């Protein structure tokens, strides 16, 4: 798989840096099934949204090394942009986290929250009783496929207030 193992979604069949697919999930949800049984230690199977394309301070587009105008909250590709990690996982760990950024100027972000806030983490959220891992003793047995649902909750004004991630397997 090219693009450093990344997949980009577009509104068009031909590449256009202004046509990255940007779904509106506010007040909605997304769900999918995942099999991480082959994703061991030192592997990060990730699904995330980022606010591409990357831009320079003057508002011009920043192609980056791979020419895909990549940016994220950790300045990969030489530019910041908002990032929401739906899943950073392997058979031992699962984490979801939001990385907010400052207000853009000409579409350019000068700072992002690299560690992230409002994390959902199976290791830190369940100390001593981790419900996730390889084997039948875990509620989520990562040796088998499991289901993930993410809700994006809004208030009465249509503003984002929180997200929740639900992992389930066999109705549990």
N, C-alpha and C. Protein backbone atom coordinates (compact mmCIF):
# COMPACT_ATOMS: atom_id res chain seq x y z
N UNK A 1 0.84 -1.17 0.00
CA UNK A 1 0.00 0.00 0.00
C UNK A 1 0.89 1.23 0.00
N UNK A 2 0.61 2.15 -0.88
CA UNK A 2 1.40 3.37 -0.97
C UNK A 2 1.03 4.41 0.07
N UNK A 3 1.49 5.60 -0.10
CA UNK A 3 1.18 6.74 0.77
C UNK A 3 1.51 6.45 2.22
N UNK A 4 2.62 5.77 2.50
CA UNK A 4 3.03 5.46 3.86
C UNK A 4 1.96 4.66 4.60
N UNK A 5 1.28 3.78 3.88
CA UNK A 5 0.24 2.94 4.48
C UNK A 5 -1.06 3.69 4.73
N UNK A 6 -1.20 4.88 4.20
CA UNK A 6 -2.41 5.68 4.42
C UNK A 6 -3.39 5.50 3.27
N UNK A 7 -4.66 5.74 3.59
CA UNK A 7 -5.72 5.77 2.59
C UNK A 7 -6.37 7.15 2.70
N UNK A 8 -6.55 7.80 1.57
CA UNK A 8 -7.19 9.12 1.54
C UNK A 8 -8.53 8.98 0.85
N UNK A 9 -9.56 9.64 1.40
CA UNK A 9 -10.88 9.62 0.78
C UNK A 9 -11.12 10.95 0.08
N UNK A 10 -11.69 10.89 -1.12
CA UNK A 10 -11.86 12.07 -1.95
C UNK A 10 -13.29 12.18 -2.46
N UNK A 11 -13.69 13.39 -2.78
CA UNK A 11 -14.99 13.63 -3.40
C UNK A 11 -14.93 13.43 -4.91
N UNK A 12 -13.73 13.27 -5.47
CA UNK A 12 -13.56 13.11 -6.91
C UNK A 12 -12.72 11.88 -7.21
N UNK A 13 -12.82 11.38 -8.44
CA UNK A 13 -12.02 10.22 -8.83
C UNK A 13 -10.57 10.58 -9.06
N UNK A 14 -10.31 11.75 -9.58
CA UNK A 14 -8.95 12.20 -9.84
C UNK A 14 -8.49 13.04 -8.64
N UNK A 15 -7.20 12.98 -8.32
CA UNK A 15 -6.69 13.71 -7.17
C UNK A 15 -6.86 15.21 -7.34
N UNK A 16 -7.41 15.82 -6.31
CA UNK A 16 -7.55 17.27 -6.24
C UNK A 16 -7.40 17.64 -4.77
N UNK A 17 -6.36 18.39 -4.44
CA UNK A 17 -6.06 18.72 -3.04
C UNK A 17 -7.19 19.46 -2.33
N UNK A 18 -8.13 20.02 -3.08
CA UNK A 18 -9.24 20.74 -2.46
C UNK A 18 -10.48 19.86 -2.31
N UNK A 19 -10.37 18.58 -2.65
CA UNK A 19 -11.55 17.72 -2.65
C UNK A 19 -11.45 16.53 -1.69
N UNK A 20 -10.68 16.65 -0.61
CA UNK A 20 -10.69 15.58 0.38
C UNK A 20 -12.07 15.47 0.98
N UNK A 21 -12.53 14.24 1.19
CA UNK A 21 -13.85 13.99 1.77
C UNK A 21 -13.86 14.42 3.23
N UNK A 22 -14.79 15.27 3.60
CA UNK A 22 -14.91 15.75 4.97
C UNK A 22 -16.34 15.55 5.44
N UNK A 23 -16.63 14.41 6.05
CA UNK A 23 -18.00 14.13 6.49
C UNK A 23 -18.39 15.01 7.68
N UNK A 24 -19.66 15.30 7.79
CA UNK A 24 -20.19 16.00 8.95
C UNK A 24 -20.81 14.95 9.86
N UNK A 25 -20.14 14.65 10.95
CA UNK A 25 -20.63 13.61 11.86
C UNK A 25 -21.32 14.19 13.09
N UNK A 26 -21.36 15.50 13.21
CA UNK A 26 -21.95 16.13 14.38
C UNK A 26 -23.40 15.68 14.55
N UNK A 27 -23.70 15.15 15.72
CA UNK A 27 -25.04 14.65 16.00
C UNK A 27 -25.27 13.24 15.45
N UNK A 28 -24.26 12.68 14.84
CA UNK A 28 -24.38 11.36 14.23
C UNK A 28 -23.39 10.38 14.83
N UNK A 29 -23.13 9.33 14.08
CA UNK A 29 -22.21 8.31 14.56
C UNK A 29 -21.60 7.60 13.36
N UNK A 30 -20.58 6.82 13.65
CA UNK A 30 -20.00 5.94 12.65
C UNK A 30 -19.68 4.63 13.35
N UNK A 31 -19.76 3.54 12.62
CA UNK A 31 -19.42 2.25 13.22
C UNK A 31 -18.81 1.33 12.18
N UNK A 32 -18.00 0.41 12.68
CA UNK A 32 -17.31 -0.52 11.80
C UNK A 32 -16.84 -1.72 12.62
N UNK A 33 -16.50 -2.78 11.92
CA UNK A 33 -15.92 -3.98 12.52
C UNK A 33 -14.44 -3.99 12.19
N UNK A 34 -13.63 -4.49 13.14
CA UNK A 34 -12.20 -4.52 12.93
C UNK A 34 -11.62 -5.84 13.46
N UNK A 35 -10.62 -6.34 12.76
CA UNK A 35 -9.89 -7.54 13.17
C UNK A 35 -8.44 -7.12 13.37
N UNK A 36 -8.01 -7.05 14.63
CA UNK A 36 -6.65 -6.66 14.96
C UNK A 36 -5.78 -7.84 15.36
N UNK A 37 -6.23 -9.05 15.09
CA UNK A 37 -5.54 -10.25 15.56
C UNK A 37 -4.10 -10.35 15.07
N UNK A 38 -3.77 -9.69 13.97
CA UNK A 38 -2.40 -9.74 13.45
C UNK A 38 -1.61 -8.47 13.76
N UNK A 39 -2.20 -7.56 14.53
CA UNK A 39 -1.54 -6.29 14.89
C UNK A 39 -0.95 -6.41 16.28
N UNK A 40 0.28 -6.86 16.38
CA UNK A 40 0.94 -7.07 17.67
C UNK A 40 1.62 -5.82 18.19
N UNK A 41 2.48 -6.03 19.17
CA UNK A 41 3.24 -4.92 19.76
C UNK A 41 4.03 -4.20 18.66
N UNK A 42 4.25 -2.94 18.84
CA UNK A 42 4.96 -2.08 17.90
C UNK A 42 4.18 -1.83 16.62
N UNK A 43 2.92 -2.23 16.58
CA UNK A 43 2.06 -1.96 15.43
C UNK A 43 0.96 -1.01 15.89
N UNK A 44 0.66 -0.02 15.08
CA UNK A 44 -0.41 0.92 15.37
C UNK A 44 -1.38 0.92 14.21
N UNK A 45 -2.47 0.17 14.36
CA UNK A 45 -3.54 0.19 13.36
C UNK A 45 -4.39 1.41 13.69
N UNK A 46 -4.40 2.38 12.80
CA UNK A 46 -5.03 3.66 13.11
C UNK A 46 -6.10 4.05 12.11
N UNK A 47 -7.13 4.69 12.63
CA UNK A 47 -8.17 5.32 11.83
C UNK A 47 -8.35 6.71 12.41
N UNK A 48 -8.16 7.72 11.58
CA UNK A 48 -8.25 9.07 12.11
C UNK A 48 -8.71 10.05 11.03
N UNK A 49 -9.28 11.15 11.50
CA UNK A 49 -9.67 12.25 10.64
C UNK A 49 -8.68 13.39 10.85
N UNK A 50 -8.29 14.03 9.76
CA UNK A 50 -7.43 15.20 9.86
C UNK A 50 -7.95 16.28 8.92
N UNK A 51 -7.67 17.53 9.26
CA UNK A 51 -8.16 18.68 8.50
C UNK A 51 -7.25 19.05 7.35
N UNK A 52 -7.14 18.17 6.36
CA UNK A 52 -6.30 18.45 5.19
C UNK A 52 -7.05 19.34 4.22
N UNK A 53 -6.36 19.99 3.32
CA UNK A 53 -4.94 19.91 3.01
C UNK A 53 -4.11 20.87 3.85
N UNK A 54 -2.81 20.59 3.92
CA UNK A 54 -1.88 21.44 4.67
C UNK A 54 -1.72 22.78 3.95
N UNK A 55 -1.56 23.82 4.78
CA UNK A 55 -1.35 25.16 4.21
C UNK A 55 -0.19 25.84 4.90
N UNK A 56 0.48 26.71 4.13
CA UNK A 56 1.55 27.55 4.65
C UNK A 56 0.95 28.79 5.31
N UNK A 57 1.79 29.59 5.97
CA UNK A 57 1.33 30.80 6.64
C UNK A 57 0.65 31.79 5.71
N UNK A 58 1.06 31.82 4.45
CA UNK A 58 0.46 32.76 3.50
C UNK A 58 -0.83 32.22 2.88
N UNK A 59 -1.27 31.02 3.30
CA UNK A 59 -2.49 30.43 2.78
C UNK A 59 -2.30 29.55 1.57
N UNK A 60 -1.08 29.49 1.04
CA UNK A 60 -0.81 28.61 -0.10
C UNK A 60 -0.77 27.15 0.39
N UNK A 61 -1.02 26.25 -0.52
CA UNK A 61 -1.02 24.82 -0.17
C UNK A 61 0.40 24.31 0.01
N UNK A 62 0.57 23.43 0.97
CA UNK A 62 1.88 22.83 1.26
C UNK A 62 1.82 21.36 0.87
N UNK A 63 2.51 21.00 -0.21
CA UNK A 63 2.43 19.64 -0.75
C UNK A 63 3.04 18.58 0.16
N UNK A 64 4.08 18.92 0.90
CA UNK A 64 4.76 17.92 1.73
C UNK A 64 5.60 16.98 0.89
N UNK A 65 6.30 16.07 1.57
CA UNK A 65 7.22 15.17 0.89
C UNK A 65 6.53 14.21 -0.06
N UNK A 66 5.31 13.77 0.28
CA UNK A 66 4.63 12.78 -0.56
C UNK A 66 3.68 13.41 -1.58
N UNK A 67 3.56 14.74 -1.58
CA UNK A 67 2.71 15.42 -2.53
C UNK A 67 1.22 15.29 -2.25
N UNK A 68 0.85 14.80 -1.07
CA UNK A 68 -0.56 14.59 -0.74
C UNK A 68 -1.12 15.69 0.17
N UNK A 69 -0.30 16.69 0.51
CA UNK A 69 -0.74 17.82 1.33
C UNK A 69 -1.13 17.37 2.73
N UNK A 70 -0.39 16.39 3.22
CA UNK A 70 -0.67 15.80 4.52
C UNK A 70 -0.28 16.76 5.64
N UNK A 71 -1.06 16.74 6.70
CA UNK A 71 -0.77 17.48 7.92
C UNK A 71 -1.44 16.72 9.06
N UNK A 72 -1.01 16.99 10.28
CA UNK A 72 -1.67 16.41 11.45
C UNK A 72 -1.31 17.21 12.68
N UNK A 73 -1.76 16.78 13.84
CA UNK A 73 -1.53 17.53 15.07
C UNK A 73 -0.10 17.43 15.58
N UNK A 74 0.70 16.56 14.98
CA UNK A 74 2.09 16.40 15.42
C UNK A 74 3.09 16.95 14.41
N UNK A 75 2.63 17.77 13.47
CA UNK A 75 3.50 18.46 12.53
C UNK A 75 4.17 17.52 11.53
N UNK A 76 3.60 16.32 11.36
CA UNK A 76 4.14 15.39 10.36
C UNK A 76 3.86 16.00 8.98
N UNK A 77 4.83 16.02 8.13
CA UNK A 77 4.70 16.65 6.83
C UNK A 77 5.01 18.14 6.85
N UNK A 78 5.35 18.65 8.04
CA UNK A 78 5.75 20.05 8.14
C UNK A 78 4.62 21.03 8.33
N UNK A 79 3.42 20.55 8.67
CA UNK A 79 2.30 21.46 8.90
C UNK A 79 1.37 20.87 9.96
N UNK A 80 0.79 21.76 10.75
CA UNK A 80 -0.22 21.37 11.74
C UNK A 80 -1.61 21.38 11.10
N UNK A 81 -2.49 20.52 11.60
CA UNK A 81 -3.92 20.61 11.32
C UNK A 81 -4.65 19.76 12.36
N UNK A 82 -5.93 20.06 12.59
CA UNK A 82 -6.69 19.30 13.58
C UNK A 82 -6.72 17.82 13.24
N UNK A 83 -6.72 17.01 14.29
CA UNK A 83 -6.70 15.54 14.12
C UNK A 83 -7.60 14.91 15.17
N UNK A 84 -8.38 13.95 14.75
CA UNK A 84 -9.18 13.17 15.69
C UNK A 84 -8.86 11.70 15.45
N UNK A 85 -8.20 11.09 16.42
CA UNK A 85 -7.84 9.68 16.32
C UNK A 85 -9.02 8.84 16.80
N UNK A 86 -9.72 8.22 15.88
CA UNK A 86 -10.82 7.32 16.22
C UNK A 86 -10.25 6.05 16.85
N UNK A 87 -9.15 5.56 16.27
CA UNK A 87 -8.57 4.31 16.75
C UNK A 87 -7.06 4.33 16.53
N UNK A 88 -6.32 4.13 17.60
CA UNK A 88 -4.90 3.81 17.54
C UNK A 88 -4.80 2.53 18.36
N UNK A 89 -4.59 1.39 17.70
CA UNK A 89 -4.79 0.14 18.42
C UNK A 89 -3.90 -0.98 17.91
N UNK A 90 -3.80 -1.99 18.75
CA UNK A 90 -3.26 -3.29 18.40
C UNK A 90 -3.93 -4.30 19.34
N UNK A 91 -3.39 -5.52 19.45
CA UNK A 91 -4.07 -6.52 20.28
C UNK A 91 -4.01 -6.20 21.76
N UNK A 92 -3.11 -5.31 22.19
CA UNK A 92 -2.93 -4.99 23.60
C UNK A 92 -3.50 -3.65 24.02
N UNK A 93 -3.71 -2.73 23.09
CA UNK A 93 -4.08 -1.37 23.47
C UNK A 93 -5.07 -0.77 22.47
N UNK A 94 -5.91 0.12 22.99
CA UNK A 94 -6.85 0.88 22.15
C UNK A 94 -6.94 2.28 22.73
N UNK A 95 -6.80 3.27 21.87
CA UNK A 95 -6.89 4.67 22.32
C UNK A 95 -7.57 5.49 21.23
N UNK A 96 -8.44 6.36 21.66
CA UNK A 96 -9.06 7.36 20.80
C UNK A 96 -8.81 8.71 21.45
N UNK A 97 -8.47 9.73 20.68
CA UNK A 97 -8.15 11.03 21.29
C UNK A 97 -8.35 12.16 20.28
N UNK A 98 -8.76 13.30 20.81
CA UNK A 98 -8.95 14.51 20.02
C UNK A 98 -7.71 15.41 20.17
N UNK A 99 -7.26 15.97 19.06
CA UNK A 99 -6.15 16.93 19.06
C UNK A 99 -6.68 18.24 18.48
N UNK A 100 -6.95 19.21 19.33
CA UNK A 100 -7.45 20.48 18.83
C UNK A 100 -6.28 21.41 18.47
N UNK A 101 -6.59 22.42 17.69
CA UNK A 101 -5.58 23.38 17.24
C UNK A 101 -6.06 24.80 17.49
N UNK A 102 -5.15 25.76 17.34
CA UNK A 102 -5.52 27.16 17.44
C UNK A 102 -6.41 27.53 16.25
N UNK A 103 -6.96 28.72 16.29
CA UNK A 103 -7.76 29.20 15.15
C UNK A 103 -6.83 29.40 13.95
N UNK A 104 -7.25 28.95 12.78
CA UNK A 104 -6.37 29.10 11.61
C UNK A 104 -6.32 30.54 11.11
N UNK A 105 -5.20 30.88 10.52
CA UNK A 105 -5.02 32.16 9.84
C UNK A 105 -4.67 31.82 8.40
N UNK A 106 -5.52 32.21 7.45
CA UNK A 106 -5.35 31.82 6.03
C UNK A 106 -5.36 30.31 5.86
N UNK A 107 -6.08 29.59 6.73
CA UNK A 107 -6.13 28.14 6.66
C UNK A 107 -4.92 27.46 7.27
N UNK A 108 -4.01 28.24 7.83
CA UNK A 108 -2.78 27.72 8.43
C UNK A 108 -2.92 27.68 9.94
N UNK A 109 -2.55 26.55 10.52
CA UNK A 109 -2.55 26.38 11.98
C UNK A 109 -1.11 26.51 12.47
N UNK A 110 -0.90 27.29 13.51
CA UNK A 110 0.45 27.45 14.04
C UNK A 110 0.70 26.59 15.27
N UNK A 111 -0.36 25.98 15.84
CA UNK A 111 -0.20 25.17 17.04
C UNK A 111 -1.33 24.15 17.12
N UNK A 112 -0.99 22.94 17.58
CA UNK A 112 -1.99 21.91 17.88
C UNK A 112 -1.61 21.22 19.18
N UNK A 113 -2.59 20.70 19.84
CA UNK A 113 -2.43 19.97 21.09
C UNK A 113 -1.89 18.57 20.76
N UNK A 114 -0.58 18.42 20.76
CA UNK A 114 0.04 17.17 20.34
C UNK A 114 -0.36 15.96 21.19
N UNK A 115 -0.37 16.05 22.54
CA UNK A 115 -0.77 14.86 23.31
C UNK A 115 -2.25 14.54 23.19
N UNK A 116 -3.06 15.56 22.94
CA UNK A 116 -4.50 15.35 22.82
C UNK A 116 -5.22 15.49 24.14
N UNK A 117 -6.54 15.63 24.05
CA UNK A 117 -7.40 15.76 25.22
C UNK A 117 -8.62 14.86 25.05
N UNK A 118 -9.29 14.62 26.15
CA UNK A 118 -10.52 13.82 26.14
C UNK A 118 -10.28 12.42 25.57
N UNK A 119 -9.21 11.78 26.00
CA UNK A 119 -8.85 10.47 25.47
C UNK A 119 -9.75 9.37 26.02
N UNK A 120 -9.95 8.36 25.21
CA UNK A 120 -10.56 7.09 25.63
C UNK A 120 -9.45 6.06 25.48
N UNK A 121 -9.05 5.43 26.57
CA UNK A 121 -7.90 4.54 26.56
C UNK A 121 -8.18 3.32 27.42
N UNK A 122 -8.12 2.11 26.83
CA UNK A 122 -8.45 0.91 27.60
C UNK A 122 -7.45 0.61 28.70
N UNK A 123 -6.25 1.13 28.60
CA UNK A 123 -5.24 0.87 29.64
C UNK A 123 -5.40 1.84 30.81
N UNK A 124 -5.46 3.14 30.53
CA UNK A 124 -5.54 4.12 31.61
C UNK A 124 -6.94 4.26 32.19
N UNK A 125 -7.97 3.96 31.41
CA UNK A 125 -9.34 4.08 31.91
C UNK A 125 -9.79 2.88 32.75
N UNK A 126 -9.06 1.77 32.65
CA UNK A 126 -9.43 0.56 33.39
C UNK A 126 -8.22 -0.03 34.10
N UNK A 127 -7.55 0.73 34.99
CA UNK A 127 -6.34 0.21 35.64
C UNK A 127 -6.65 -1.04 36.47
N UNK A 128 -5.83 -2.07 36.28
CA UNK A 128 -5.98 -3.30 37.04
C UNK A 128 -7.08 -4.22 36.56
N UNK A 129 -7.94 -3.76 35.67
CA UNK A 129 -9.04 -4.58 35.18
C UNK A 129 -9.28 -4.29 33.70
N UNK A 130 -8.26 -4.45 32.90
CA UNK A 130 -8.35 -4.11 31.48
C UNK A 130 -9.27 -5.11 30.77
N UNK A 131 -10.35 -4.61 30.14
CA UNK A 131 -11.32 -5.51 29.50
C UNK A 131 -10.98 -5.86 28.05
N UNK A 132 -9.73 -5.65 27.64
CA UNK A 132 -9.35 -5.69 26.24
C UNK A 132 -8.01 -6.37 26.10
N UNK A 133 -7.93 -7.38 25.25
CA UNK A 133 -6.67 -8.05 25.00
C UNK A 133 -6.87 -9.37 24.30
N UNK A 134 -5.76 -10.07 24.00
CA UNK A 134 -5.86 -11.35 23.30
C UNK A 134 -6.23 -12.48 24.27
N UNK A 135 -7.36 -13.09 24.06
CA UNK A 135 -7.77 -14.22 24.88
C UNK A 135 -9.21 -14.12 25.35
N UNK A 136 -9.80 -15.25 25.65
CA UNK A 136 -11.21 -15.31 26.04
C UNK A 136 -11.48 -14.72 27.42
N UNK A 137 -10.44 -14.48 28.21
CA UNK A 137 -10.64 -13.88 29.54
C UNK A 137 -10.99 -12.39 29.45
N UNK A 138 -10.84 -11.78 28.26
CA UNK A 138 -11.13 -10.37 28.07
C UNK A 138 -12.54 -10.17 27.50
N UNK A 139 -13.20 -9.11 27.92
CA UNK A 139 -14.51 -8.77 27.36
C UNK A 139 -14.40 -8.56 25.86
N UNK A 140 -13.36 -7.83 25.43
CA UNK A 140 -13.05 -7.69 24.01
C UNK A 140 -11.83 -8.55 23.75
N UNK A 141 -12.04 -9.71 23.14
CA UNK A 141 -10.97 -10.64 22.79
C UNK A 141 -10.40 -10.21 21.44
N UNK A 142 -9.22 -9.62 21.45
CA UNK A 142 -8.65 -9.07 20.22
C UNK A 142 -8.10 -10.13 19.27
N UNK A 143 -8.24 -11.39 19.64
CA UNK A 143 -7.91 -12.45 18.69
C UNK A 143 -9.05 -12.65 17.69
N UNK A 144 -10.17 -11.96 17.94
CA UNK A 144 -11.35 -12.06 17.07
C UNK A 144 -11.82 -10.66 16.67
N UNK A 145 -12.57 -10.60 15.61
CA UNK A 145 -13.16 -9.34 15.14
C UNK A 145 -14.07 -8.76 16.22
N UNK A 146 -14.11 -7.43 16.33
CA UNK A 146 -15.05 -6.78 17.24
C UNK A 146 -15.60 -5.52 16.58
N UNK A 147 -16.61 -4.95 17.22
CA UNK A 147 -17.37 -3.83 16.66
C UNK A 147 -17.04 -2.54 17.41
N UNK A 148 -16.95 -1.44 16.66
CA UNK A 148 -16.67 -0.13 17.24
C UNK A 148 -17.74 0.83 16.77
N UNK A 149 -18.30 1.60 17.72
CA UNK A 149 -19.26 2.65 17.39
C UNK A 149 -18.82 3.92 18.08
N UNK A 150 -18.81 5.03 17.33
CA UNK A 150 -18.43 6.32 17.86
C UNK A 150 -19.60 7.26 17.67
N UNK A 151 -20.07 7.86 18.77
CA UNK A 151 -21.14 8.85 18.73
C UNK A 151 -20.54 10.24 18.91
N UNK A 152 -21.03 11.19 18.11
CA UNK A 152 -20.58 12.58 18.19
C UNK A 152 -21.77 13.41 18.66
N UNK A 153 -21.80 13.72 19.95
CA UNK A 153 -22.95 14.36 20.57
C UNK A 153 -22.87 15.88 20.44
N UNK A 154 -24.02 16.48 20.17
CA UNK A 154 -24.10 17.93 20.07
C UNK A 154 -25.11 18.46 21.08
N UNK A 155 -25.03 19.75 21.39
CA UNK A 155 -25.99 20.37 22.28
C UNK A 155 -27.15 20.95 21.46
N UNK A 156 -28.07 21.66 22.13
CA UNK A 156 -29.23 22.23 21.44
C UNK A 156 -28.86 23.30 20.42
N UNK A 157 -27.68 23.86 20.52
CA UNK A 157 -27.22 24.89 19.57
C UNK A 157 -26.48 24.28 18.38
N UNK A 158 -26.39 22.95 18.34
CA UNK A 158 -25.67 22.28 17.25
C UNK A 158 -24.18 22.31 17.40
N UNK A 159 -23.70 22.51 18.63
CA UNK A 159 -22.26 22.55 18.90
C UNK A 159 -21.79 21.20 19.44
N UNK A 160 -20.62 20.80 19.04
CA UNK A 160 -20.04 19.54 19.53
C UNK A 160 -19.77 19.65 21.03
N UNK A 161 -20.19 18.63 21.80
CA UNK A 161 -19.90 18.65 23.23
C UNK A 161 -19.11 17.43 23.71
N UNK A 162 -19.25 16.30 23.04
CA UNK A 162 -18.47 15.14 23.47
C UNK A 162 -18.56 14.02 22.42
N UNK A 163 -17.66 13.07 22.56
CA UNK A 163 -17.73 11.86 21.76
C UNK A 163 -17.65 10.68 22.70
N UNK A 164 -18.19 9.57 22.27
CA UNK A 164 -18.07 8.35 23.06
C UNK A 164 -17.73 7.22 22.10
N UNK A 165 -16.87 6.33 22.57
CA UNK A 165 -16.46 5.18 21.78
C UNK A 165 -16.94 3.93 22.50
N UNK A 166 -17.65 3.08 21.79
CA UNK A 166 -18.19 1.85 22.37
C UNK A 166 -17.58 0.67 21.62
N UNK A 167 -16.90 -0.19 22.36
CA UNK A 167 -16.37 -1.43 21.79
C UNK A 167 -17.28 -2.55 22.23
N UNK A 168 -17.64 -3.44 21.31
CA UNK A 168 -18.51 -4.56 21.68
C UNK A 168 -18.12 -5.79 20.88
N UNK A 169 -18.50 -6.93 21.47
CA UNK A 169 -18.22 -8.21 20.80
C UNK A 169 -19.27 -9.20 21.27
N UNK A 170 -19.89 -9.88 20.34
CA UNK A 170 -20.89 -10.90 20.67
C UNK A 170 -21.98 -10.38 21.59
N UNK A 171 -22.45 -9.15 21.36
CA UNK A 171 -23.52 -8.58 22.18
C UNK A 171 -23.12 -8.14 23.56
N UNK A 172 -21.81 -8.16 23.88
CA UNK A 172 -21.36 -7.73 25.22
C UNK A 172 -20.91 -6.31 25.20
